[in-house]
Amino acid sequence: YLVVIFQENVSFDHYFGTYPGATN
């Protein structure tokens, strides 16, 4: 069973640019 969740309009750096360091 494959489920593809296809979302909208995000670049990698926009969500993960500083991963795995969060400001907290």
PDBML (XML) file of the C-alpha atoms, coordinates in Angstrom:
<?xml version="1.0" encoding="UTF-8" ?>
<PDBx:datablock datablockName="MODEL"
   xmlns:PDBx="http://pdbml.pdb.org/schema/pdbx-v50.xsd"
   xmlns:xsi="http://www.w3.org/2001/XMLSchema-instance"
   xsi:schemaLocation="http://pdbml.pdb.org/schema/pdbx-v50.xsd pdbx-v50.xsd">
   <PDBx:atom_siteCategory>
      <PDBx:atom_site id="1">
         <PDBx:B_iso_or_equiv>0.00</PDBx:B_iso_or_equiv>
         <PDBx:Cartn_x>0.000</PDBx:Cartn_x>
         <PDBx:Cartn_y>0.000</PDBx:Cartn_y>
         <PDBx:Cartn_z>0.000</PDBx:Cartn_z>
         <PDBx:auth_asym_id>A</PDBx:auth_asym_id>
         <PDBx:auth_atom_id>CA</PDBx:auth_atom_id>
         <PDBx:auth_comp_id>TYR</PDBx:auth_comp_id>
         <PDBx:auth_seq_id>1</PDBx:auth_seq_id>
         <PDBx:group_PDB>ATOM</PDBx:group_PDB>
         <PDBx:label_alt_id xsi:nil="true" />
         <PDBx:label_asym_id>A</PDBx:label_asym_id>
         <PDBx:label_atom_id>CA</PDBx:label_atom_id>
         <PDBx:label_comp_id>TYR</PDBx:label_comp_id>
         <PDBx:label_entity_id>1</PDBx:label_entity_id>
         <PDBx:label_seq_id>1</PDBx:label_seq_id>
         <PDBx:occupancy>1.00</PDBx:occupancy>
         <PDBx:pdbx_PDB_model_num>1</PDBx:pdbx_PDB_model_num>
         <PDBx:type_symbol>C</PDBx:type_symbol>
      </PDBx:atom_site>
      <PDBx:atom_site id="2">
         <PDBx:B_iso_or_equiv>0.00</PDBx:B_iso_or_equiv>
         <PDBx:Cartn_x>1.511</PDBx:Cartn_x>
         <PDBx:Cartn_y>3.283</PDBx:Cartn_y>
         <PDBx:Cartn_z>-1.121</PDBx:Cartn_z>
         <PDBx:auth_asym_id>A</PDBx:auth_asym_id>
         <PDBx:auth_atom_id>CA</PDBx:auth_atom_id>
         <PDBx:auth_comp_id>LEU</PDBx:auth_comp_id>
         <PDBx:auth_seq_id>2</PDBx:auth_seq_id>
         <PDBx:group_PDB>ATOM</PDBx:group_PDB>
         <PDBx:label_alt_id xsi:nil="true" />
         <PDBx:label_asym_id>A</PDBx:label_asym_id>
         <PDBx:label_atom_id>CA</PDBx:label_atom_id>
         <PDBx:label_comp_id>LEU</PDBx:label_comp_id>
         <PDBx:label_entity_id>1</PDBx:label_entity_id>
         <PDBx:label_seq_id>2</PDBx:label_seq_id>
         <PDBx:occupancy>1.00</PDBx:occupancy>
         <PDBx:pdbx_PDB_model_num>1</PDBx:pdbx_PDB_model_num>
         <PDBx:type_symbol>C</PDBx:type_symbol>
      </PDBx:atom_site>
      <PDBx:atom_site id="3">
         <PDBx:B_iso_or_equiv>0.00</PDBx:B_iso_or_equiv>
         <PDBx:Cartn_x>0.063</PDBx:Cartn_x>
         <PDBx:Cartn_y>6.603</PDBx:Cartn_y>
         <PDBx:Cartn_z>0.040</PDBx:Cartn_z>
         <PDBx:auth_asym_id>A</PDBx:auth_asym_id>
         <PDBx:auth_atom_id>CA</PDBx:auth_atom_id>
         <PDBx:auth_comp_id>VAL</PDBx:auth_comp_id>
         <PDBx:auth_seq_id>3</PDBx:auth_seq_id>
         <PDBx:group_PDB>ATOM</PDBx:group_PDB>
         <PDBx:label_alt_id xsi:nil="true" />
         <PDBx:label_asym_id>A</PDBx:label_asym_id>
         <PDBx:label_atom_id>CA</PDBx:label_atom_id>
         <PDBx:label_comp_id>VAL</PDBx:label_comp_id>
         <PDBx:label_entity_id>1</PDBx:label_entity_id>
         <PDBx:label_seq_id>3</PDBx:label_seq_id>
         <PDBx:occupancy>1.00</PDBx:occupancy>
         <PDBx:pdbx_PDB_model_num>1</PDBx:pdbx_PDB_model_num>
         <PDBx:type_symbol>C</PDBx:type_symbol>
      </PDBx:atom_site>
      <PDBx:atom_site id="4">
         <PDBx:B_iso_or_equiv>0.00</PDBx:B_iso_or_equiv>
         <PDBx:Cartn_x>1.465</PDBx:Cartn_x>
         <PDBx:Cartn_y>9.697</PDBx:Cartn_y>
         <PDBx:Cartn_z>-1.682</PDBx:Cartn_z>
         <PDBx:auth_asym_id>A</PDBx:auth_asym_id>
         <PDBx:auth_atom_id>CA</PDBx:auth_atom_id>
         <PDBx:auth_comp_id>VAL</PDBx:auth_comp_id>
         <PDBx:auth_seq_id>4</PDBx:auth_seq_id>
         <PDBx:group_PDB>ATOM</PDBx:group_PDB>
         <PDBx:label_alt_id xsi:nil="true" />
         <PDBx:label_asym_id>A</PDBx:label_asym_id>
         <PDBx:label_atom_id>CA</PDBx:label_atom_id>
         <PDBx:label_comp_id>VAL</PDBx:label_comp_id>
         <PDBx:label_entity_id>1</PDBx:label_entity_id>
         <PDBx:label_seq_id>4</PDBx:label_seq_id>
         <PDBx:occupancy>1.00</PDBx:occupancy>
         <PDBx:pdbx_PDB_model_num>1</PDBx:pdbx_PDB_model_num>
         <PDBx:type_symbol>C</PDBx:type_symbol>
      </PDBx:atom_site>
      <PDBx:atom_site id="5">
         <PDBx:B_iso_or_equiv>0.00</PDBx:B_iso_or_equiv>
         <PDBx:Cartn_x>0.661</PDBx:Cartn_x>
         <PDBx:Cartn_y>12.940</PDBx:Cartn_y>
         <PDBx:Cartn_z>0.150</PDBx:Cartn_z>
         <PDBx:auth_asym_id>A</PDBx:auth_asym_id>
         <PDBx:auth_atom_id>CA</PDBx:auth_atom_id>
         <PDBx:auth_comp_id>ILE</PDBx:auth_comp_id>
         <PDBx:auth_seq_id>5</PDBx:auth_seq_id>
         <PDBx:group_PDB>ATOM</PDBx:group_PDB>
         <PDBx:label_alt_id xsi:nil="true" />
         <PDBx:label_asym_id>A</PDBx:label_asym_id>
         <PDBx:label_atom_id>CA</PDBx:label_atom_id>
         <PDBx:label_comp_id>ILE</PDBx:label_comp_id>
         <PDBx:label_entity_id>1</PDBx:label_entity_id>
         <PDBx:label_seq_id>5</PDBx:label_seq_id>
         <PDBx:occupancy>1.00</PDBx:occupancy>
         <PDBx:pdbx_PDB_model_num>1</PDBx:pdbx_PDB_model_num>
         <PDBx:type_symbol>C</PDBx:type_symbol>
      </PDBx:atom_site>
      <PDBx:atom_site id="6">
         <PDBx:B_iso_or_equiv>0.00</PDBx:B_iso_or_equiv>
         <PDBx:Cartn_x>1.299</PDBx:Cartn_x>
         <PDBx:Cartn_y>15.654</PDBx:Cartn_y>
         <PDBx:Cartn_z>-2.416</PDBx:Cartn_z>
         <PDBx:auth_asym_id>A</PDBx:auth_asym_id>
         <PDBx:auth_atom_id>CA</PDBx:auth_atom_id>
         <PDBx:auth_comp_id>PHE</PDBx:auth_comp_id>
         <PDBx:auth_seq_id>6</PDBx:auth_seq_id>
         <PDBx:group_PDB>ATOM</PDBx:group_PDB>
         <PDBx:label_alt_id xsi:nil="true" />
         <PDBx:label_asym_id>A</PDBx:label_asym_id>
         <PDBx:label_atom_id>CA</PDBx:label_atom_id>
         <PDBx:label_comp_id>PHE</PDBx:label_comp_id>
         <PDBx:label_entity_id>1</PDBx:label_entity_id>
         <PDBx:label_seq_id>6</PDBx:label_seq_id>
         <PDBx:occupancy>1.00</PDBx:occupancy>
         <PDBx:pdbx_PDB_model_num>1</PDBx:pdbx_PDB_model_num>
         <PDBx:type_symbol>C</PDBx:type_symbol>
      </PDBx:atom_site>
      <PDBx:atom_site id="7">
         <PDBx:B_iso_or_equiv>0.00</PDBx:B_iso_or_equiv>
         <PDBx:Cartn_x>1.514</PDBx:Cartn_x>
         <PDBx:Cartn_y>19.093</PDBx:Cartn_y>
         <PDBx:Cartn_z>-0.833</PDBx:Cartn_z>
         <PDBx:auth_asym_id>A</PDBx:auth_asym_id>
         <PDBx:auth_atom_id>CA</PDBx:auth_atom_id>
         <PDBx:auth_comp_id>GLN</PDBx:auth_comp_id>
         <PDBx:auth_seq_id>7</PDBx:auth_seq_id>
         <PDBx:group_PDB>ATOM</PDBx:group_PDB>
         <PDBx:label_alt_id xsi:nil="true" />
         <PDBx:label_asym_id>A</PDBx:label_asym_id>
         <PDBx:label_atom_id>CA</PDBx:label_atom_id>
         <PDBx:label_comp_id>GLN</PDBx:label_comp_id>
         <PDBx:label_entity_id>1</PDBx:label_entity_id>
         <PDBx:label_seq_id>7</PDBx:label_seq_id>
         <PDBx:occupancy>1.00</PDBx:occupancy>
         <PDBx:pdbx_PDB_model_num>1</PDBx:pdbx_PDB_model_num>
         <PDBx:type_symbol>C</PDBx:type_symbol>
      </PDBx:atom_site>
      <PDBx:atom_site id="8">
         <PDBx:B_iso_or_equiv>0.00</PDBx:B_iso_or_equiv>
         <PDBx:Cartn_x>2.070</PDBx:Cartn_x>
         <PDBx:Cartn_y>22.614</PDBx:Cartn_y>
         <PDBx:Cartn_z>-2.106</PDBx:Cartn_z>
         <PDBx:auth_asym_id>A</PDBx:auth_asym_id>
         <PDBx:auth_atom_id>CA</PDBx:auth_atom_id>
         <PDBx:auth_comp_id>GLU</PDBx:auth_comp_id>
         <PDBx:auth_seq_id>8</PDBx:auth_seq_id>
         <PDBx:group_PDB>ATOM</PDBx:group_PDB>
         <PDBx:label_alt_id xsi:nil="true" />
         <PDBx:label_asym_id>A</PDBx:label_asym_id>
         <PDBx:label_atom_id>CA</PDBx:label_atom_id>
         <PDBx:label_comp_id>GLU</PDBx:label_comp_id>
         <PDBx:label_entity_id>1</PDBx:label_entity_id>
         <PDBx:label_seq_id>8</PDBx:label_seq_id>
         <PDBx:occupancy>1.00</PDBx:occupancy>
         <PDBx:pdbx_PDB_model_num>1</PDBx:pdbx_PDB_model_num>
         <PDBx:type_symbol>C</PDBx:type_symbol>
      </PDBx:atom_site>
      <PDBx:atom_site id="9">
         <PDBx:B_iso_or_equiv>0.00</PDBx:B_iso_or_equiv>
         <PDBx:Cartn_x>4.830</PDBx:Cartn_x>
         <PDBx:Cartn_y>25.135</PDBx:Cartn_y>
         <PDBx:Cartn_z>-2.592</PDBx:Cartn_z>
         <PDBx:auth_asym_id>A</PDBx:auth_asym_id>
         <PDBx:auth_atom_id>CA</PDBx:auth_atom_id>
         <PDBx:auth_comp_id>ASN</PDBx:auth_comp_id>
         <PDBx:auth_seq_id>9</PDBx:auth_seq_id>
         <PDBx:group_PDB>ATOM</PDBx:group_PDB>
         <PDBx:label_alt_id xsi:nil="true" />
         <PDBx:label_asym_id>A</PDBx:label_asym_id>
         <PDBx:label_atom_id>CA</PDBx:label_atom_id>
         <PDBx:label_comp_id>ASN</PDBx:label_comp_id>
         <PDBx:label_entity_id>1</PDBx:label_entity_id>
         <PDBx:label_seq_id>9</PDBx:label_seq_id>
         <PDBx:occupancy>1.00</PDBx:occupancy>
         <PDBx:pdbx_PDB_model_num>1</PDBx:pdbx_PDB_model_num>
         <PDBx:type_symbol>C</PDBx:type_symbol>
      </PDBx:atom_site>
      <PDBx:atom_site id="10">
         <PDBx:B_iso_or_equiv>0.00</PDBx:B_iso_or_equiv>
         <PDBx:Cartn_x>7.765</PDBx:Cartn_x>
         <PDBx:Cartn_y>24.510</PDBx:Cartn_y>
         <PDBx:Cartn_z>-0.260</PDBx:Cartn_z>
         <PDBx:auth_asym_id>A</PDBx:auth_asym_id>
         <PDBx:auth_atom_id>CA</PDBx:auth_atom_id>
         <PDBx:auth_comp_id>VAL</PDBx:auth_comp_id>
         <PDBx:auth_seq_id>10</PDBx:auth_seq_id>
         <PDBx:group_PDB>ATOM</PDBx:group_PDB>
         <PDBx:label_alt_id xsi:nil="true" />
         <PDBx:label_asym_id>A</PDBx:label_asym_id>
         <PDBx:label_atom_id>CA</PDBx:label_atom_id>
         <PDBx:label_comp_id>VAL</PDBx:label_comp_id>
         <PDBx:label_entity_id>1</PDBx:label_entity_id>
         <PDBx:label_seq_id>10</PDBx:label_seq_id>
         <PDBx:occupancy>1.00</PDBx:occupancy>
         <PDBx:pdbx_PDB_model_num>1</PDBx:pdbx_PDB_model_num>
         <PDBx:type_symbol>C</PDBx:type_symbol>
      </PDBx:atom_site>
      <PDBx:atom_site id="11">
         <PDBx:B_iso_or_equiv>0.00</PDBx:B_iso_or_equiv>
         <PDBx:Cartn_x>11.499</PDBx:Cartn_x>
         <PDBx:Cartn_y>24.533</PDBx:Cartn_y>
         <PDBx:Cartn_z>-0.975</PDBx:Cartn_z>
         <PDBx:auth_asym_id>A</PDBx:auth_asym_id>
         <PDBx:auth_atom_id>CA</PDBx:auth_atom_id>
         <PDBx:auth_comp_id>SER</PDBx:auth_comp_id>
         <PDBx:auth_seq_id>11</PDBx:auth_seq_id>
         <PDBx:group_PDB>ATOM</PDBx:group_PDB>
         <PDBx:label_alt_id xsi:nil="true" />
         <PDBx:label_asym_id>A</PDBx:label_asym_id>
         <PDBx:label_atom_id>CA</PDBx:label_atom_id>
         <PDBx:label_comp_id>SER</PDBx:label_comp_id>
         <PDBx:label_entity_id>1</PDBx:label_entity_id>
         <PDBx:label_seq_id>11</PDBx:label_seq_id>
         <PDBx:occupancy>1.00</PDBx:occupancy>
         <PDBx:pdbx_PDB_model_num>1</PDBx:pdbx_PDB_model_num>
         <PDBx:type_symbol>C</PDBx:type_symbol>
      </PDBx:atom_site>
      <PDBx:atom_site id="12">
         <PDBx:B_iso_or_equiv>0.00</PDBx:B_iso_or_equiv>
         <PDBx:Cartn_x>13.818</PDBx:Cartn_x>
         <PDBx:Cartn_y>22.298</PDBx:Cartn_y>
         <PDBx:Cartn_z>1.027</PDBx:Cartn_z>
         <PDBx:auth_asym_id>A</PDBx:auth_asym_id>
         <PDBx:auth_atom_id>CA</PDBx:auth_atom_id>
         <PDBx:auth_comp_id>PHE</PDBx:auth_comp_id>
         <PDBx:auth_seq_id>12</PDBx:auth_seq_id>
         <PDBx:group_PDB>ATOM</PDBx:group_PDB>
         <PDBx:label_alt_id xsi:nil="true" />
         <PDBx:label_asym_id>A</PDBx:label_asym_id>
         <PDBx:label_atom_id>CA</PDBx:label_atom_id>
         <PDBx:label_comp_id>PHE</PDBx:label_comp_id>
         <PDBx:label_entity_id>1</PDBx:label_entity_id>
         <PDBx:label_seq_id>12</PDBx:label_seq_id>
         <PDBx:occupancy>1.00</PDBx:occupancy>
         <PDBx:pdbx_PDB_model_num>1</PDBx:pdbx_PDB_model_num>
         <PDBx:type_symbol>C</PDBx:type_symbol>
      </PDBx:atom_site>
      <PDBx:atom_site id="13">
         <PDBx:B_iso_or_equiv>0.00</PDBx:B_iso_or_equiv>
         <PDBx:Cartn_x>15.621</PDBx:Cartn_x>
         <PDBx:Cartn_y>25.192</PDBx:Cartn_y>
         <PDBx:Cartn_z>2.740</PDBx:Cartn_z>
         <PDBx:auth_asym_id>A</PDBx:auth_asym_id>
         <PDBx:auth_atom_id>CA</PDBx:auth_atom_id>
         <PDBx:auth_comp_id>ASP</PDBx:auth_comp_id>
         <PDBx:auth_seq_id>13</PDBx:auth_seq_id>
         <PDBx:group_PDB>ATOM</PDBx:group_PDB>
         <PDBx:label_alt_id xsi:nil="true" />
         <PDBx:label_asym_id>A</PDBx:label_asym_id>
         <PDBx:label_atom_id>CA</PDBx:label_atom_id>
         <PDBx:label_comp_id>ASP</PDBx:label_comp_id>
         <PDBx:label_entity_id>1</PDBx:label_entity_id>
         <PDBx:label_seq_id>13</PDBx:label_seq_id>
         <PDBx:occupancy>1.00</PDBx:occupancy>
         <PDBx:pdbx_PDB_model_num>1</PDBx:pdbx_PDB_model_num>
         <PDBx:type_symbol>C</PDBx:type_symbol>
      </PDBx:atom_site>
      <PDBx:atom_site id="14">
         <PDBx:B_iso_or_equiv>0.00</PDBx:B_iso_or_equiv>
         <PDBx:Cartn_x>12.273</PDBx:Cartn_x>
         <PDBx:Cartn_y>26.796</PDBx:Cartn_y>
         <PDBx:Cartn_z>3.617</PDBx:Cartn_z>
         <PDBx:auth_asym_id>A</PDBx:auth_asym_id>
         <PDBx:auth_atom_id>CA</PDBx:auth_atom_id>
         <PDBx:auth_comp_id>HIS</PDBx:auth_comp_id>
         <PDBx:auth_seq_id>14</PDBx:auth_seq_id>
         <PDBx:group_PDB>ATOM</PDBx:group_PDB>
         <PDBx:label_alt_id xsi:nil="true" />
         <PDBx:label_asym_id>A</PDBx:label_asym_id>
         <PDBx:label_atom_id>CA</PDBx:label_atom_id>
         <PDBx:label_comp_id>HIS</PDBx:label_comp_id>
         <PDBx:label_entity_id>1</PDBx:label_entity_id>
         <PDBx:label_seq_id>14</PDBx:label_seq_id>
         <PDBx:occupancy>1.00</PDBx:occupancy>
         <PDBx:pdbx_PDB_model_num>1</PDBx:pdbx_PDB_model_num>
         <PDBx:type_symbol>C</PDBx:type_symbol>
      </PDBx:atom_site>
      <PDBx:atom_site id="15">
         <PDBx:B_iso_or_equiv>0.00</PDBx:B_iso_or_equiv>
         <PDBx:Cartn_x>11.425</PDBx:Cartn_x>
         <PDBx:Cartn_y>23.836</PDBx:Cartn_y>
         <PDBx:Cartn_z>5.882</PDBx:Cartn_z>
         <PDBx:auth_asym_id>A</PDBx:auth_asym_id>
         <PDBx:auth_atom_id>CA</PDBx:auth_atom_id>
         <PDBx:auth_comp_id>TYR</PDBx:auth_comp_id>
         <PDBx:auth_seq_id>15</PDBx:auth_seq_id>
         <PDBx:group_PDB>ATOM</PDBx:group_PDB>
         <PDBx:label_alt_id xsi:nil="true" />
         <PDBx:label_asym_id>A</PDBx:label_asym_id>
         <PDBx:label_atom_id>CA</PDBx:label_atom_id>
         <PDBx:label_comp_id>TYR</PDBx:label_comp_id>
         <PDBx:label_entity_id>1</PDBx:label_entity_id>
         <PDBx:label_seq_id>15</PDBx:label_seq_id>
         <PDBx:occupancy>1.00</PDBx:occupancy>
         <PDBx:pdbx_PDB_model_num>1</PDBx:pdbx_PDB_model_num>
         <PDBx:type_symbol>C</PDBx:type_symbol>
      </PDBx:atom_site>
      <PDBx:atom_site id="16">
         <PDBx:B_iso_or_equiv>0.00</PDBx:B_iso_or_equiv>
         <PDBx:Cartn_x>14.726</PDBx:Cartn_x>
         <PDBx:Cartn_y>22.080</PDBx:Cartn_y>
         <PDBx:Cartn_z>6.576</PDBx:Cartn_z>
         <PDBx:auth_asym_id>A</PDBx:auth_asym_id>
         <PDBx:auth_atom_id>CA</PDBx:auth_atom_id>
         <PDBx:auth_comp_id>PHE</PDBx:auth_comp_id>
         <PDBx:auth_seq_id>16</PDBx:auth_seq_id>
         <PDBx:group_PDB>ATOM</PDBx:group_PDB>
         <PDBx:label_alt_id xsi:nil="true" />
         <PDBx:label_asym_id>A</PDBx:label_asym_id>
         <PDBx:label_atom_id>CA</PDBx:label_atom_id>
         <PDBx:label_comp_id>PHE</PDBx:label_comp_id>
         <PDBx:label_entity_id>1</PDBx:label_entity_id>
         <PDBx:label_seq_id>16</PDBx:label_seq_id>
         <PDBx:occupancy>1.00</PDBx:occupancy>
         <PDBx:pdbx_PDB_model_num>1</PDBx:pdbx_PDB_model_num>
         <PDBx:type_symbol>C</PDBx:type_symbol>
      </PDBx:atom_site>
      <PDBx:atom_site id="17">
         <PDBx:B_iso_or_equiv>0.00</PDBx:B_iso_or_equiv>
         <PDBx:Cartn_x>17.468</PDBx:Cartn_x>
         <PDBx:Cartn_y>24.683</PDBx:Cartn_y>
         <PDBx:Cartn_z>6.020</PDBx:Cartn_z>
         <PDBx:auth_asym_id>A</PDBx:auth_asym_id>
         <PDBx:auth_atom_id>CA</PDBx:auth_atom_id>
         <PDBx:auth_comp_id>GLY</PDBx:auth_comp_id>
         <PDBx:auth_seq_id>17</PDBx:auth_seq_id>
         <PDBx:group_PDB>ATOM</PDBx:group_PDB>
         <PDBx:label_alt_id xsi:nil="true" />
         <PDBx:label_asym_id>A</PDBx:label_asym_id>
         <PDBx:label_atom_id>CA</PDBx:label_atom_id>
         <PDBx:label_comp_id>GLY</PDBx:label_comp_id>
         <PDBx:label_entity_id>1</PDBx:label_entity_id>
         <PDBx:label_seq_id>17</PDBx:label_seq_id>
         <PDBx:occupancy>1.00</PDBx:occupancy>
         <PDBx:pdbx_PDB_model_num>1</PDBx:pdbx_PDB_model_num>
         <PDBx:type_symbol>C</PDBx:type_symbol>
      </PDBx:atom_site>
      <PDBx:atom_site id="18">
         <PDBx:B_iso_or_equiv>0.00</PDBx:B_iso_or_equiv>
         <PDBx:Cartn_x>18.719</PDBx:Cartn_x>
         <PDBx:Cartn_y>24.566</PDBx:Cartn_y>
         <PDBx:Cartn_z>9.629</PDBx:Cartn_z>
         <PDBx:auth_asym_id>A</PDBx:auth_asym_id>
         <PDBx:auth_atom_id>CA</PDBx:auth_atom_id>
         <PDBx:auth_comp_id>THR</PDBx:auth_comp_id>
         <PDBx:auth_seq_id>18</PDBx:auth_seq_id>
         <PDBx:group_PDB>ATOM</PDBx:group_PDB>
         <PDBx:label_alt_id xsi:nil="true" />
         <PDBx:label_asym_id>A</PDBx:label_asym_id>
         <PDBx:label_atom_id>CA</PDBx:label_atom_id>
         <PDBx:label_comp_id>THR</PDBx:label_comp_id>
         <PDBx:label_entity_id>1</PDBx:label_entity_id>
         <PDBx:label_seq_id>18</PDBx:label_seq_id>
         <PDBx:occupancy>1.00</PDBx:occupancy>
         <PDBx:pdbx_PDB_model_num>1</PDBx:pdbx_PDB_model_num>
         <PDBx:type_symbol>C</PDBx:type_symbol>
      </PDBx:atom_site>
      <PDBx:atom_site id="19">
         <PDBx:B_iso_or_equiv>0.00</PDBx:B_iso_or_equiv>
         <PDBx:Cartn_x>17.812</PDBx:Cartn_x>
         <PDBx:Cartn_y>20.936</PDBx:Cartn_y>
         <PDBx:Cartn_z>10.398</PDBx:Cartn_z>
         <PDBx:auth_asym_id>A</PDBx:auth_asym_id>
         <PDBx:auth_atom_id>CA</PDBx:auth_atom_id>
         <PDBx:auth_comp_id>TYR</PDBx:auth_comp_id>
         <PDBx:auth_seq_id>19</PDBx:auth_seq_id>
         <PDBx:group_PDB>ATOM</PDBx:group_PDB>
         <PDBx:label_alt_id xsi:nil="true" />
         <PDBx:label_asym_id>A</PDBx:label_asym_id>
         <PDBx:label_atom_id>CA</PDBx:label_atom_id>
         <PDBx:label_comp_id>TYR</PDBx:label_comp_id>
         <PDBx:label_entity_id>1</PDBx:label_entity_id>
         <PDBx:label_seq_id>19</PDBx:label_seq_id>
         <PDBx:occupancy>1.00</PDBx:occupancy>
         <PDBx:pdbx_PDB_model_num>1</PDBx:pdbx_PDB_model_num>
         <PDBx:type_symbol>C</PDBx:type_symbol>
      </PDBx:atom_site>
      <PDBx:atom_site id="20">
         <PDBx:B_iso_or_equiv>0.00</PDBx:B_iso_or_equiv>
         <PDBx:Cartn_x>18.495</PDBx:Cartn_x>
         <PDBx:Cartn_y>19.466</PDBx:Cartn_y>
         <PDBx:Cartn_z>12.919</PDBx:Cartn_z>
         <PDBx:auth_asym_id>A</PDBx:auth_asym_id>
         <PDBx:auth_atom_id>CA</PDBx:auth_atom_id>
         <PDBx:auth_comp_id>PRO</PDBx:auth_comp_id>
         <PDBx:auth_seq_id>20</PDBx:auth_seq_id>
         <PDBx:group_PDB>ATOM</PDBx:group_PDB>
         <PDBx:label_alt_id xsi:nil="true" />
         <PDBx:label_asym_id>A</PDBx:label_asym_id>
         <PDBx:label_atom_id>CA</PDBx:label_atom_id>
         <PDBx:label_comp_id>PRO</PDBx:label_comp_id>
         <PDBx:label_entity_id>1</PDBx:label_entity_id>
         <PDBx:label_seq_id>20</PDBx:label_seq_id>
         <PDBx:occupancy>1.00</PDBx:occupancy>
         <PDBx:pdbx_PDB_model_num>1</PDBx:pdbx_PDB_model_num>
         <PDBx:type_symbol>C</PDBx:type_symbol>
      </PDBx:atom_site>
      <PDBx:atom_site id="21">
         <PDBx:B_iso_or_equiv>0.00</PDBx:B_iso_or_equiv>
         <PDBx:Cartn_x>19.202</PDBx:Cartn_x>
         <PDBx:Cartn_y>22.639</PDBx:Cartn_y>
         <PDBx:Cartn_z>14.904</PDBx:Cartn_z>
         <PDBx:auth_asym_id>A</PDBx:auth_asym_id>
         <PDBx:auth_atom_id>CA</PDBx:auth_atom_id>
         <PDBx:auth_comp_id>GLY</PDBx:auth_comp_id>
         <PDBx:auth_seq_id>21</PDBx:auth_seq_id>
         <PDBx:group_PDB>ATOM</PDBx:group_PDB>
         <PDBx:label_alt_id xsi:nil="true" />
         <PDBx:label_asym_id>A</PDBx:label_asym_id>
         <PDBx:label_atom_id>CA</PDBx:label_atom_id>
         <PDBx:label_comp_id>GLY</PDBx:label_comp_id>
         <PDBx:label_entity_id>1</PDBx:label_entity_id>
         <PDBx:label_seq_id>21</PDBx:label_seq_id>
         <PDBx:occupancy>1.00</PDBx:occupancy>
         <PDBx:pdbx_PDB_model_num>1</PDBx:pdbx_PDB_model_num>
         <PDBx:type_symbol>C</PDBx:type_symbol>
      </PDBx:atom_site>
      <PDBx:atom_site id="22">
         <PDBx:B_iso_or_equiv>0.00</PDBx:B_iso_or_equiv>
         <PDBx:Cartn_x>16.124</PDBx:Cartn_x>
         <PDBx:Cartn_y>24.473</PDBx:Cartn_y>
         <PDBx:Cartn_z>16.197</PDBx:Cartn_z>
         <PDBx:auth_asym_id>A</PDBx:auth_asym_id>
         <PDBx:auth_atom_id>CA</PDBx:auth_atom_id>
         <PDBx:auth_comp_id>ALA</PDBx:auth_comp_id>
         <PDBx:auth_seq_id>22</PDBx:auth_seq_id>
         <PDBx:group_PDB>ATOM</PDBx:group_PDB>
         <PDBx:label_alt_id xsi:nil="true" />
         <PDBx:label_asym_id>A</PDBx:label_asym_id>
         <PDBx:label_atom_id>CA</PDBx:label_atom_id>
         <PDBx:label_comp_id>ALA</PDBx:label_comp_id>
         <PDBx:label_entity_id>1</PDBx:label_entity_id>
         <PDBx:label_seq_id>22</PDBx:label_seq_id>
         <PDBx:occupancy>1.00</PDBx:occupancy>
         <PDBx:pdbx_PDB_model_num>1</PDBx:pdbx_PDB_model_num>
         <PDBx:type_symbol>C</PDBx:type_symbol>
      </PDBx:atom_site>
      <PDBx:atom_site id="23">
         <PDBx:B_iso_or_equiv>0.00</PDBx:B_iso_or_equiv>
         <PDBx:Cartn_x>16.143</PDBx:Cartn_x>
         <PDBx:Cartn_y>27.802</PDBx:Cartn_y>
         <PDBx:Cartn_z>18.042</PDBx:Cartn_z>
         <PDBx:auth_asym_id>A</PDBx:auth_asym_id>
         <PDBx:auth_atom_id>CA</PDBx:auth_atom_id>
         <PDBx:auth_comp_id>THR</PDBx:auth_comp_id>
         <PDBx:auth_seq_id>23</PDBx:auth_seq_id>
         <PDBx:group_PDB>ATOM</PDBx:group_PDB>
         <PDBx:label_alt_id xsi:nil="true" />
         <PDBx:label_asym_id>A</PDBx:label_asym_id>
         <PDBx:label_atom_id>CA</PDBx:label_atom_id>
         <PDBx:label_comp_id>THR</PDBx:label_comp_id>
         <PDBx:label_entity_id>1</PDBx:label_entity_id>
         <PDBx:label_seq_id>23</PDBx:label_seq_id>
         <PDBx:occupancy>1.00</PDBx:occupancy>
         <PDBx:pdbx_PDB_model_num>1</PDBx:pdbx_PDB_model_num>
         <PDBx:type_symbol>C</PDBx:type_symbol>
      </PDBx:atom_site>
      <PDBx:atom_site id="24">
         <PDBx:B_iso_or_equiv>0.00</PDBx:B_iso_or_equiv>
         <PDBx:Cartn_x>13.769</PDBx:Cartn_x>
         <PDBx:Cartn_y>26.563</PDBx:Cartn_y>
         <PDBx:Cartn_z>20.806</PDBx:Cartn_z>
         <PDBx:auth_asym_id>A</PDBx:auth_asym_id>
         <PDBx:auth_atom_id>CA</PDBx:auth_atom_id>
         <PDBx:auth_comp_id>ASN</PDBx:auth_comp_id>
         <PDBx:auth_seq_id>24</PDBx:auth_seq_id>
         <PDBx:group_PDB>ATOM</PDBx:group_PDB>
         <PDBx:label_alt_id xsi:nil="true" />
         <PDBx:label_asym_id>A</PDBx:label_asym_id>
         <PDBx:label_atom_id>CA</PDBx:label_atom_id>
         <PDBx:label_comp_id>ASN</PDBx:label_comp_id>
         <PDBx:label_entity_id>1</PDBx:label_entity_id>
         <PDBx:label_seq_id>24</PDBx:label_seq_id>
         <PDBx:occupancy>1.00</PDBx:occupancy>
         <PDBx:pdbx_PDB_model_num>1</PDBx:pdbx_PDB_model_num>
         <PDBx:type_symbol>C</PDBx:type_symbol>
      </PDBx:atom_site>
   </PDBx:atom_siteCategory>
</PDBx:datablock>
